[in-house]
Amino acid sequence: MHAILRATDVELFYGSQRALCGVDFTLGAGEVCAITGSSGSGKSSLLYCLAGVLAPTRGEILLDGVPLHSLDDDELSTVRRERFGFVFQYGELLPELTVEENAALPLRLAGRRKTKALEVAGEVLGRLGLAELRQRRTSQISGGQSQRVAVARALVHRPDVIFADEPTGALDSANAEAVLEEFLTLARSQGTAVVMVTHDASVAARADSQYMMADGSLARRAAV
């Protein structure tokens, strides 16, 4: 399997505190990976290093063999905008936009015309059962629906990798299961790789590979 993303000997310090300790990690194209661990173990720090949001203190992150640290700010912003997608625990939707405008945002930022961007966003929203909510404001929809919109926004531009930080952590169990199923089905159908940070073992069990973080160190779990 082609490695889309690779971390080699990554360390991260916040001042004198070490958050990541010699982390090695490989993500295959189209692979769904889950990273579990207790609060403060370093899993979110690793996620943001892999996504180019944080720069590691030592080591390197490679995207298709290209070190992220070799990119200037504009190039790195383009990578995050066009090749990466993000799903956060609380959706982080923009309240001044409608459901379809939120979902279309990555396409609009990439320069797609509004009519075409909304058309593509509508197709993805339809696959998530949200077609009838396209014109609503985010204040008019439920938590489960909001997270589906966040999933649509992450998938709409067909990124190479989606980074998901506790993507179902704010939902009840029924909504969490439904959203996770729809998210992973869509991601796999379009060949998008996923890195999920989660504390939930049942969420991690849906991944192709699992890693455990403890005290800034990462270890791959053996396949069951």
Protein backbone atom coordinates (compact mmCIF):
# COMPACT_ATOMS: atom_id res chain seq x y z
CA MET A 1 0.00 0.00 0.00
CA HIS A 2 1.31 3.45 -0.95
CA ALA A 3 2.18 5.54 2.11
CA ILE A 4 0.39 8.87 1.79
CA LEU A 5 1.61 10.20 5.15
CA ARG A 6 4.66 9.27 7.20
CA ALA A 7 6.10 10.56 10.48
CA THR A 8 9.69 9.77 11.42
CA ASP A 9 11.18 10.24 14.91
CA VAL A 10 8.81 13.10 15.71
CA GLU A 11 9.23 14.96 18.97
CA LEU A 12 7.24 17.96 20.17
CA PHE A 13 7.92 20.20 23.15
CA TYR A 14 5.67 22.82 24.70
CA GLY A 15 8.37 24.84 26.45
CA SER A 16 10.21 22.29 28.58
CA GLN A 17 7.36 19.76 28.51
CA ARG A 18 7.69 16.96 25.97
CA ALA A 19 4.37 16.07 24.34
CA LEU A 20 5.64 13.63 21.68
CA CYS A 21 8.56 11.26 22.08
CA GLY A 22 10.22 9.79 18.97
CA VAL A 23 6.97 8.97 17.16
CA ASP A 24 7.05 6.89 13.96
CA PHE A 25 3.81 6.54 12.01
CA THR A 26 2.73 5.49 8.52
CA LEU A 27 -0.68 5.97 6.90
CA GLY A 28 -1.50 4.18 3.67
CA ALA A 29 -3.57 5.76 0.92
CA GLY A 30 -7.23 5.11 1.71
CA GLU A 31 -6.44 3.61 5.12
CA VAL A 32 -8.58 4.35 8.19
CA CYS A 33 -6.45 4.61 11.30
CA ALA A 34 -7.49 5.17 14.92
CA ILE A 35 -5.26 6.59 17.65
CA THR A 36 -6.43 5.97 21.22
CA GLY A 37 -5.04 7.00 24.58
CA SER A 38 -5.90 8.79 27.78
CA SER A 39 -6.33 12.54 28.08
CA GLY A 40 -2.94 14.24 27.88
CA SER A 41 -1.22 11.27 26.23
CA GLY A 42 -0.27 13.33 23.17
CA LYS A 43 -2.74 12.01 20.61
CA SER A 44 -4.19 15.40 19.63
CA SER A 45 -0.70 16.90 19.48
CA LEU A 46 0.29 14.16 17.04
CA LEU A 47 -2.84 14.73 14.97
CA TYR A 48 -2.05 18.43 14.57
CA CYS A 49 1.57 17.71 13.70
CA LEU A 50 0.48 15.24 11.02
CA ALA A 51 -1.93 17.87 9.66
CA GLY A 52 0.75 20.55 9.46
CA VAL A 53 -0.95 22.71 12.08
CA LEU A 54 1.91 22.25 14.57
CA ALA A 55 5.56 21.99 13.56
CA PRO A 56 7.42 19.22 15.41
CA THR A 57 10.47 20.19 17.42
CA ARG A 58 12.38 17.31 15.86
CA GLY A 59 11.75 14.73 13.15
CA GLU A 60 9.71 15.14 10.00
CA ILE A 61 6.27 14.60 8.51
CA LEU A 62 6.18 13.50 4.87
CA LEU A 63 3.16 13.86 2.56
CA ASP A 64 3.72 11.74 -0.55
CA GLY A 65 7.41 11.85 0.29
CA VAL A 66 7.56 15.65 0.58
CA PRO A 67 8.55 17.02 4.03
CA LEU A 68 5.90 19.42 5.31
CA HIS A 69 8.65 21.54 6.88
CA SER A 70 10.07 22.19 3.39
CA LEU A 71 6.89 24.05 2.39
CA ASP A 72 6.47 27.77 2.92
CA ASP A 73 3.38 29.15 4.66
CA ASP A 74 1.40 29.60 1.44
CA GLU A 75 2.22 26.10 0.20
CA LEU A 76 1.33 24.58 3.55
CA SER A 77 -1.98 26.46 3.62
CA THR A 78 -2.75 25.11 0.15
CA VAL A 79 -2.03 21.54 1.31
CA ARG A 80 -4.32 21.91 4.33
CA ARG A 81 -7.03 23.48 2.20
CA GLU A 82 -6.93 21.16 -0.80
CA ARG A 83 -5.46 17.83 0.31
CA PHE A 84 -6.63 17.62 3.91
CA GLY A 85 -10.04 17.63 5.57
CA PHE A 86 -10.91 18.11 9.23
CA VAL A 87 -13.71 16.90 11.53
CA PHE A 88 -13.77 18.22 15.10
CA GLN A 89 -15.66 17.01 18.15
CA TYR A 90 -18.18 19.87 18.10
CA GLY A 91 -18.43 20.34 14.34
CA GLU A 92 -17.11 23.93 14.38
CA LEU A 93 -19.63 25.09 11.79
CA LEU A 94 -19.99 28.76 10.86
CA PRO A 95 -23.33 29.97 12.27
CA GLU A 96 -23.72 32.79 9.73
CA LEU A 97 -23.80 30.27 6.86
CA THR A 98 -26.48 27.78 5.84
CA VAL A 99 -25.96 24.03 5.97
CA GLU A 100 -25.07 23.86 2.27
CA GLU A 101 -22.79 26.91 2.49
CA ASN A 102 -20.90 25.30 5.39
CA ALA A 103 -20.52 22.06 3.45
CA ALA A 104 -19.36 23.88 0.32
CA LEU A 105 -16.75 25.99 2.11
CA PRO A 106 -13.64 23.97 1.09
CA LEU A 107 -14.68 24.17 -2.56
CA ARG A 108 -15.29 27.92 -2.35
CA LEU A 109 -11.89 28.44 -0.69
CA ALA A 110 -10.32 26.45 -3.53
CA GLY A 111 -11.86 28.85 -6.05
CA ARG A 112 -14.84 26.85 -7.28
CA ARG A 113 -17.81 28.87 -8.51
CA LYS A 114 -20.58 29.19 -5.96
CA THR A 115 -23.24 27.42 -8.02
CA LYS A 116 -21.01 24.42 -8.72
CA ALA A 117 -19.73 24.29 -5.14
CA LEU A 118 -23.27 24.26 -3.76
CA GLU A 119 -24.26 21.58 -6.27
CA VAL A 120 -21.43 19.28 -5.18
CA ALA A 121 -22.11 20.01 -1.50
CA GLY A 122 -25.76 19.17 -2.05
CA GLU A 123 -24.83 15.77 -3.46
CA VAL A 124 -22.70 14.93 -0.43
CA LEU A 125 -25.34 16.23 1.99
CA GLY A 126 -27.89 14.05 0.22
CA ARG A 127 -25.75 10.96 0.81
CA LEU A 128 -25.75 11.87 4.49
CA GLY A 129 -29.54 12.25 4.62
CA LEU A 130 -29.46 16.06 4.88
CA ALA A 131 -30.89 17.13 1.51
CA GLU A 132 -33.97 18.72 3.07
CA LEU A 133 -31.87 20.79 5.49
CA ARG A 134 -29.67 22.51 2.90
CA GLN A 135 -31.13 26.00 3.41
CA ARG A 136 -31.32 25.90 7.21
CA ARG A 137 -29.02 27.76 9.55
CA THR A 138 -26.89 25.62 11.82
CA SER A 139 -28.85 26.89 14.85
CA GLN A 140 -31.91 25.12 13.42
CA ILE A 141 -30.47 21.61 13.30
CA SER A 142 -29.61 18.98 15.92
CA GLY A 143 -26.18 17.94 17.20
CA GLY A 144 -26.18 14.78 15.13
CA GLN A 145 -27.16 16.72 12.02
CA SER A 146 -24.46 19.32 12.71
CA GLN A 147 -21.81 16.62 12.87
CA ARG A 148 -23.05 15.19 9.57
CA VAL A 149 -22.62 18.64 8.03
CA ALA A 150 -19.07 18.71 9.41
CA VAL A 151 -18.45 15.33 7.79
CA ALA A 152 -19.83 16.61 4.49
CA ARG A 153 -17.55 19.65 4.68
CA ALA A 154 -14.52 17.42 5.29
CA LEU A 155 -15.34 15.10 2.37
CA VAL A 156 -16.73 17.50 -0.23
CA HIS A 157 -13.41 18.30 -1.93
CA ARG A 158 -12.27 14.65 -1.92
CA PRO A 159 -9.14 15.20 0.16
CA ASP A 160 -6.30 12.69 0.44
CA VAL A 161 -6.50 12.62 4.24
CA ILE A 162 -9.13 13.56 6.83
CA PHE A 163 -8.05 14.29 10.39
CA ALA A 164 -10.85 13.62 12.88
CA ASP A 165 -10.44 14.69 16.52
CA GLU A 166 -13.04 12.83 18.63
CA PRO A 167 -15.50 13.01 15.71
CA THR A 168 -18.40 11.45 17.66
CA GLY A 169 -17.38 12.46 21.18
CA ALA A 170 -20.16 15.04 21.59
CA LEU A 171 -22.97 12.72 20.40
CA ASP A 172 -25.17 10.19 22.16
CA SER A 173 -24.48 6.55 21.34
CA ALA A 174 -27.18 6.16 18.68
CA ASN A 175 -26.15 9.31 16.79
CA ALA A 176 -22.46 8.48 17.23
CA GLU A 177 -22.88 5.06 15.62
CA ALA A 178 -24.89 6.43 12.69
CA VAL A 179 -22.55 9.36 12.00
CA LEU A 180 -19.45 7.15 12.23
CA GLU A 181 -20.94 4.60 9.84
CA GLU A 182 -21.83 7.29 7.28
CA PHE A 183 -18.47 9.02 7.67
CA LEU A 184 -16.33 5.94 7.16
CA THR A 185 -18.50 4.56 4.36
CA LEU A 186 -18.19 7.79 2.39
CA ALA A 187 -14.47 8.15 3.09
CA ARG A 188 -13.74 4.61 1.97
CA SER A 189 -15.93 4.94 -1.12
CA GLN A 190 -13.83 7.85 -2.39
CA GLY A 191 -10.45 6.50 -1.26
CA THR A 192 -9.84 9.12 1.41
CA ALA A 193 -7.52 8.11 4.25
CA VAL A 194 -8.64 8.93 7.79
CA VAL A 195 -6.72 9.52 11.01
CA MET A 196 -9.12 9.44 13.98
CA VAL A 197 -8.23 10.39 17.52
CA THR A 198 -10.69 8.81 19.93
CA HIS A 199 -11.03 7.58 23.50
CA ASP A 200 -13.83 5.21 22.45
CA ALA A 201 -12.76 1.61 21.83
CA SER A 202 -15.87 0.89 19.75
CA VAL A 203 -14.97 3.77 17.41
CA ALA A 204 -11.37 2.59 17.15
CA ALA A 205 -12.55 -0.93 16.32
CA ARG A 206 -14.01 0.37 13.04
CA ALA A 207 -10.57 1.37 11.76
CA ASP A 208 -8.22 -0.67 9.56
CA SER A 209 -5.35 -0.10 12.00
CA GLN A 210 -5.13 1.00 15.63
CA TYR A 211 -2.44 2.78 17.61
CA MET A 212 -2.16 3.51 21.32
CA MET A 213 -0.54 6.63 22.75
CA ALA A 214 0.88 6.87 26.27
CA ASP A 215 3.14 9.60 27.62
CA GLY A 216 3.89 10.91 24.13
CA SER A 217 4.92 7.52 22.70
CA LEU A 218 3.00 5.67 19.98
CA ALA A 219 2.65 1.90 19.58
CA ARG A 220 0.70 -0.02 16.98
CA ARG A 221 -1.87 -2.46 18.28
CA ALA A 222 -1.64 -5.97 16.91
CA ALA A 223 -4.50 -7.07 14.65
CA VAL A 224 -7.10 -9.17 16.44
